[in-house]
Structures are given as C-alpha cells and as structure tokens.
C-alpha cells in the first residue's frame, strides 16, 4: 500500500502500475467531496477497478439531489460536470465550524 499526497501523485502511481499491468485501489473514508473526486479519477483511468468508501456514502447529508448511487457494491459514476456534485447549501451553512464565515 502506498500513501500519496494528491491527485498528481495518484496519477503517477496509476501510470507506473499500469506499465506493469497492475490495478490500483483508492482508499477514501473522508466524506462526499473526496468520494466524488475518487469516483471521477477511477472512471478516468483504466486500472482502478475499485475505490473504498465509508458505509453510508450513498446517504450524505451534504448532497442535494445527486447522492452517490451504490448498488451491489458498485457506484454509478455521476454525469454532472466537475466532481459531479450538487451540494445542499442549506446543510453546509447550518454546519459551519464555529467562527467560520460562509464562502458561497
């Protein structure tokens, strides 16, 4: 297992592994945004057949209308632009850290 530091490092690892016909797997237990970034990355490279996500990743309160769809352990790739997110802004505003100002 390799711990990387960002999408560029993960892409380098995926490319290196691909040269040896090895699959990679992404580990994510950090919430909706990282989950969707992992989903998009895995869909963009041919040697990432799986990602790990937390139980309940298909029911995130921060998703407005497009929570990840997971059926039989397989996640449907979002077709929305960017990370494929439609965020619930009311939920995010209500859960700001103490002293944090709204950025939207």
N, C-alpha and C. Protein backbone atom coordinates (compact mmCIF):
# COMPACT_ATOMS: atom_id res chain seq x y z
N UNK A 1 0.84 -1.17 0.00
CA UNK A 1 0.00 0.00 0.00
C UNK A 1 0.89 1.23 0.00
N UNK A 2 0.49 2.20 -0.81
CA UNK A 2 1.23 3.45 -0.92
C UNK A 2 0.31 4.59 -0.51
N UNK A 3 0.83 5.51 0.28
CA UNK A 3 0.08 6.68 0.67
C UNK A 3 0.58 7.82 -0.21
N UNK A 4 -0.32 8.45 -0.94
CA UNK A 4 0.10 9.52 -1.84
C UNK A 4 -0.41 10.85 -1.33
N UNK A 5 0.06 11.91 -1.94
CA UNK A 5 -0.30 13.23 -1.48
C UNK A 5 -0.96 14.08 -2.54
N UNK A 6 -2.05 13.64 -3.10
CA UNK A 6 -2.76 14.46 -4.07
C UNK A 6 -3.00 13.73 -5.38
N UNK A 7 -3.79 14.36 -6.23
CA UNK A 7 -4.20 13.71 -7.47
C UNK A 7 -3.03 13.49 -8.43
N UNK A 8 -2.06 14.40 -8.45
CA UNK A 8 -0.92 14.22 -9.34
C UNK A 8 -0.11 13.00 -8.93
N UNK A 9 0.11 12.83 -7.63
CA UNK A 9 0.86 11.66 -7.15
C UNK A 9 0.08 10.37 -7.42
N UNK A 10 -1.22 10.40 -7.24
CA UNK A 10 -2.04 9.21 -7.51
C UNK A 10 -1.98 8.86 -8.99
N UNK A 11 -2.03 9.87 -9.86
CA UNK A 11 -1.94 9.62 -11.30
C UNK A 11 -0.59 9.01 -11.65
N UNK A 12 0.48 9.48 -11.03
CA UNK A 12 1.81 8.92 -11.29
C UNK A 12 1.86 7.45 -10.85
N UNK A 13 1.27 7.15 -9.70
CA UNK A 13 1.22 5.77 -9.21
C UNK A 13 0.40 4.91 -10.16
N UNK A 14 -0.74 5.42 -10.60
CA UNK A 14 -1.59 4.67 -11.53
C UNK A 14 -0.86 4.40 -12.84
N UNK A 15 -0.15 5.39 -13.35
CA UNK A 15 0.60 5.22 -14.60
C UNK A 15 1.70 4.18 -14.44
N UNK A 16 2.43 4.26 -13.33
CA UNK A 16 3.51 3.29 -13.07
C UNK A 16 2.94 1.88 -12.96
N UNK A 17 1.87 1.74 -12.19
CA UNK A 17 1.23 0.43 -12.02
C UNK A 17 0.72 -0.10 -13.35
N UNK A 18 0.19 0.79 -14.18
CA UNK A 18 -0.33 0.39 -15.48
C UNK A 18 0.76 -0.20 -16.37
N UNK A 19 1.96 0.34 -16.26
CA UNK A 19 3.07 -0.18 -17.08
C UNK A 19 3.37 -1.65 -16.75
N UNK A 20 3.01 -2.07 -15.55
CA UNK A 20 3.22 -3.46 -15.13
C UNK A 20 1.90 -4.23 -15.06
N UNK A 21 0.87 -3.65 -15.68
CA UNK A 21 -0.46 -4.27 -15.75
C UNK A 21 -1.02 -4.59 -14.36
N UNK A 22 -0.80 -3.67 -13.43
CA UNK A 22 -1.28 -3.84 -12.06
C UNK A 22 -2.45 -2.90 -11.79
N UNK A 23 -3.50 -3.38 -11.12
CA UNK A 23 -4.59 -2.49 -10.75
C UNK A 23 -4.23 -1.70 -9.50
N UNK A 24 -4.90 -0.60 -9.32
CA UNK A 24 -4.78 0.18 -8.09
C UNK A 24 -6.16 0.26 -7.45
N UNK A 25 -6.24 0.59 -6.19
CA UNK A 25 -7.50 0.81 -5.49
C UNK A 25 -7.35 2.07 -4.65
N UNK A 26 -8.35 2.90 -4.65
CA UNK A 26 -8.33 4.13 -3.87
C UNK A 26 -9.03 3.92 -2.54
N UNK A 27 -8.45 4.50 -1.50
CA UNK A 27 -8.99 4.39 -0.14
C UNK A 27 -9.53 5.75 0.25
N UNK A 28 -10.81 5.83 0.56
CA UNK A 28 -11.40 7.10 0.95
C UNK A 28 -12.44 6.87 2.03
N UNK A 29 -12.24 7.47 3.16
CA UNK A 29 -13.25 7.48 4.21
C UNK A 29 -13.44 8.91 4.71
N UNK A 30 -13.26 9.88 3.80
CA UNK A 30 -13.21 11.29 4.19
C UNK A 30 -14.41 12.12 3.79
N UNK A 31 -15.46 11.51 3.31
CA UNK A 31 -16.66 12.28 3.02
C UNK A 31 -16.98 12.44 1.55
N UNK A 32 -18.04 13.18 1.30
CA UNK A 32 -18.63 13.30 -0.02
C UNK A 32 -17.69 13.87 -1.08
N UNK A 33 -17.01 14.98 -0.80
CA UNK A 33 -16.17 15.61 -1.82
C UNK A 33 -15.04 14.70 -2.27
N UNK A 34 -14.33 14.12 -1.33
CA UNK A 34 -13.24 13.22 -1.71
C UNK A 34 -13.77 11.95 -2.35
N UNK A 35 -14.91 11.48 -1.91
CA UNK A 35 -15.53 10.31 -2.51
C UNK A 35 -15.82 10.55 -3.99
N UNK A 36 -16.39 11.72 -4.30
CA UNK A 36 -16.71 12.04 -5.69
C UNK A 36 -15.44 12.27 -6.52
N UNK A 37 -14.40 12.84 -5.91
CA UNK A 37 -13.13 13.01 -6.63
C UNK A 37 -12.53 11.64 -6.94
N UNK A 38 -12.58 10.72 -5.99
CA UNK A 38 -12.09 9.36 -6.22
C UNK A 38 -12.90 8.67 -7.31
N UNK A 39 -14.21 8.86 -7.27
CA UNK A 39 -15.08 8.26 -8.28
C UNK A 39 -14.69 8.73 -9.68
N UNK A 40 -14.50 10.03 -9.84
CA UNK A 40 -14.15 10.58 -11.16
C UNK A 40 -12.76 10.11 -11.60
N UNK A 41 -11.82 10.05 -10.67
CA UNK A 41 -10.48 9.59 -11.01
C UNK A 41 -10.52 8.13 -11.45
N UNK A 42 -11.21 7.30 -10.69
CA UNK A 42 -11.28 5.87 -11.02
C UNK A 42 -11.92 5.66 -12.38
N UNK A 43 -12.89 6.50 -12.73
CA UNK A 43 -13.54 6.37 -14.03
C UNK A 43 -12.64 6.84 -15.17
N UNK A 44 -11.64 7.65 -14.85
CA UNK A 44 -10.78 8.23 -15.88
C UNK A 44 -9.55 7.40 -16.20
N UNK A 45 -9.20 6.44 -15.35
CA UNK A 45 -8.04 5.59 -15.62
C UNK A 45 -8.53 4.15 -15.78
N UNK A 46 -7.81 3.37 -16.55
CA UNK A 46 -8.30 2.02 -16.83
C UNK A 46 -7.93 0.99 -15.77
N UNK A 47 -7.02 1.31 -14.88
CA UNK A 47 -6.55 0.29 -13.93
C UNK A 47 -6.96 0.57 -12.48
N UNK A 48 -8.09 1.24 -12.31
CA UNK A 48 -8.62 1.48 -10.96
C UNK A 48 -10.04 0.92 -10.88
N UNK A 49 -10.15 -0.40 -10.70
CA UNK A 49 -11.47 -1.02 -10.73
C UNK A 49 -12.28 -0.82 -9.46
N UNK A 50 -11.67 -0.29 -8.41
CA UNK A 50 -12.45 -0.14 -7.17
C UNK A 50 -11.92 1.00 -6.32
N UNK A 51 -12.85 1.55 -5.53
CA UNK A 51 -12.50 2.52 -4.50
C UNK A 51 -13.16 2.05 -3.22
N UNK A 52 -12.55 2.40 -2.12
CA UNK A 52 -13.14 2.09 -0.82
C UNK A 52 -13.79 3.36 -0.30
N UNK A 53 -15.00 3.22 0.20
CA UNK A 53 -15.67 4.36 0.81
C UNK A 53 -16.38 3.90 2.08
N UNK A 54 -16.75 4.85 2.89
CA UNK A 54 -17.39 4.56 4.17
C UNK A 54 -18.79 4.00 3.98
N UNK A 55 -19.22 3.21 4.92
CA UNK A 55 -20.61 2.76 4.94
C UNK A 55 -21.49 4.01 5.04
N UNK A 56 -22.53 4.05 4.28
CA UNK A 56 -23.42 5.21 4.28
C UNK A 56 -23.01 6.28 3.29
N UNK A 57 -22.00 6.01 2.46
CA UNK A 57 -21.56 7.01 1.48
C UNK A 57 -22.64 7.36 0.47
N UNK A 58 -23.65 6.53 0.37
CA UNK A 58 -24.74 6.81 -0.56
C UNK A 58 -25.86 7.62 0.09
N UNK A 59 -25.63 8.08 1.32
CA UNK A 59 -26.63 8.88 2.03
C UNK A 59 -25.99 10.11 2.69
N UNK A 60 -25.17 10.87 1.96
CA UNK A 60 -24.51 12.02 2.58
C UNK A 60 -25.47 13.20 2.72
N UNK A 61 -25.55 13.82 3.88
CA UNK A 61 -26.46 14.94 4.07
C UNK A 61 -26.05 16.18 3.28
N UNK A 62 -24.80 16.26 2.84
CA UNK A 62 -24.34 17.43 2.10
C UNK A 62 -24.72 17.37 0.62
N UNK A 63 -25.23 16.23 0.15
CA UNK A 63 -25.65 16.11 -1.25
C UNK A 63 -27.08 16.59 -1.37
N UNK A 64 -27.34 17.44 -2.36
CA UNK A 64 -28.70 17.96 -2.54
C UNK A 64 -29.55 16.97 -3.33
N UNK A 65 -29.20 16.74 -4.58
CA UNK A 65 -30.07 15.92 -5.42
C UNK A 65 -29.37 14.72 -6.04
N UNK A 66 -28.10 14.59 -5.83
CA UNK A 66 -27.39 13.50 -6.50
C UNK A 66 -26.43 12.77 -5.58
N UNK A 67 -26.94 12.20 -4.54
CA UNK A 67 -26.10 11.37 -3.67
C UNK A 67 -25.55 10.22 -4.50
N UNK A 68 -24.36 9.74 -4.19
CA UNK A 68 -23.82 8.61 -4.93
C UNK A 68 -24.79 7.43 -4.92
N UNK A 69 -24.90 6.76 -6.05
CA UNK A 69 -25.77 5.59 -6.16
C UNK A 69 -24.87 4.36 -6.09
N UNK A 70 -25.08 3.54 -5.05
CA UNK A 70 -24.29 2.32 -4.87
C UNK A 70 -25.26 1.15 -4.85
N UNK A 71 -25.09 0.23 -5.81
CA UNK A 71 -25.94 -0.95 -5.92
C UNK A 71 -25.04 -2.17 -6.04
N UNK A 72 -25.25 -3.14 -5.16
CA UNK A 72 -24.43 -4.36 -5.16
C UNK A 72 -22.94 -4.06 -5.10
N UNK A 73 -22.58 -3.05 -4.32
CA UNK A 73 -21.17 -2.71 -4.14
C UNK A 73 -20.55 -1.93 -5.28
N UNK A 74 -21.35 -1.51 -6.25
CA UNK A 74 -20.82 -0.75 -7.39
C UNK A 74 -21.45 0.63 -7.40
N UNK A 75 -20.59 1.64 -7.57
CA UNK A 75 -21.05 3.02 -7.57
C UNK A 75 -21.23 3.51 -9.00
N UNK A 76 -22.37 4.13 -9.27
CA UNK A 76 -22.62 4.71 -10.57
C UNK A 76 -21.84 6.02 -10.67
N UNK A 77 -21.16 6.23 -11.78
CA UNK A 77 -20.38 7.45 -11.97
C UNK A 77 -21.32 8.59 -12.32
N UNK A 78 -21.18 9.70 -11.62
CA UNK A 78 -22.02 10.88 -11.86
C UNK A 78 -21.71 11.48 -13.22
N UNK A 79 -22.73 11.94 -13.90
CA UNK A 79 -22.56 12.58 -15.19
C UNK A 79 -22.57 14.10 -15.12
N UNK A 80 -22.70 14.65 -13.91
CA UNK A 80 -22.68 16.11 -13.77
C UNK A 80 -21.26 16.64 -14.00
N UNK A 81 -21.12 17.89 -14.37
CA UNK A 81 -19.79 18.47 -14.61
C UNK A 81 -18.93 18.50 -13.34
N UNK A 82 -17.64 18.67 -13.54
CA UNK A 82 -16.70 18.75 -12.42
C UNK A 82 -16.66 17.47 -11.63
N UNK A 83 -16.78 17.57 -10.32
CA UNK A 83 -16.79 16.37 -9.47
C UNK A 83 -18.14 15.67 -9.48
N UNK A 84 -19.11 16.22 -10.18
CA UNK A 84 -20.42 15.59 -10.25
C UNK A 84 -21.26 15.83 -9.02
N UNK A 85 -21.09 17.00 -8.40
CA UNK A 85 -21.78 17.30 -7.15
C UNK A 85 -22.90 18.32 -7.31
N UNK A 86 -23.92 18.14 -6.55
CA UNK A 86 -24.97 19.12 -6.35
C UNK A 86 -25.09 19.23 -4.83
N UNK A 87 -24.46 20.26 -4.26
CA UNK A 87 -24.37 20.36 -2.81
C UNK A 87 -25.62 20.98 -2.19
N UNK A 88 -25.96 20.53 -1.00
CA UNK A 88 -27.05 21.06 -0.21
C UNK A 88 -26.49 22.25 0.58
N UNK A 89 -26.64 23.44 0.02
CA UNK A 89 -26.04 24.63 0.62
C UNK A 89 -26.64 24.96 1.99
N UNK A 90 -27.93 24.69 2.17
CA UNK A 90 -28.54 24.94 3.48
C UNK A 90 -27.89 24.06 4.55
N UNK A 91 -27.63 22.80 4.24
CA UNK A 91 -26.97 21.91 5.19
C UNK A 91 -25.56 22.42 5.50
N UNK A 92 -24.83 22.81 4.46
CA UNK A 92 -23.46 23.28 4.68
C UNK A 92 -23.43 24.55 5.52
N UNK A 93 -24.33 25.49 5.25
CA UNK A 93 -24.40 26.73 6.04
C UNK A 93 -24.71 26.43 7.50
N UNK A 94 -25.60 25.48 7.74
CA UNK A 94 -26.00 25.15 9.11
C UNK A 94 -24.91 24.41 9.87
N UNK A 95 -23.90 23.90 9.19
CA UNK A 95 -22.87 23.11 9.85
C UNK A 95 -21.47 23.71 9.70
N UNK A 96 -21.40 25.04 9.63
CA UNK A 96 -20.10 25.70 9.60
C UNK A 96 -19.39 25.51 10.94
N UNK A 97 -18.07 25.47 10.90
CA UNK A 97 -17.30 25.42 12.14
C UNK A 97 -17.48 26.74 12.88
N UNK A 98 -17.40 26.73 14.22
CA UNK A 98 -17.55 27.97 14.99
C UNK A 98 -16.57 29.03 14.51
N UNK A 99 -17.09 30.23 14.20
CA UNK A 99 -16.27 31.33 13.74
C UNK A 99 -16.01 31.35 12.24
N UNK A 100 -16.37 30.30 11.55
CA UNK A 100 -16.14 30.25 10.10
C UNK A 100 -17.20 31.07 9.38
N UNK A 101 -16.78 31.82 8.36
CA UNK A 101 -17.73 32.60 7.57
C UNK A 101 -18.13 31.83 6.34
N UNK A 102 -19.33 32.09 5.84
CA UNK A 102 -19.83 31.40 4.64
C UNK A 102 -19.03 31.86 3.44
N UNK A 103 -18.60 30.95 2.63
CA UNK A 103 -17.75 31.22 1.49
C UNK A 103 -18.51 31.30 0.19
N UNK A 104 -19.81 30.96 0.20
CA UNK A 104 -20.58 30.89 -1.05
C UNK A 104 -21.17 32.19 -1.47
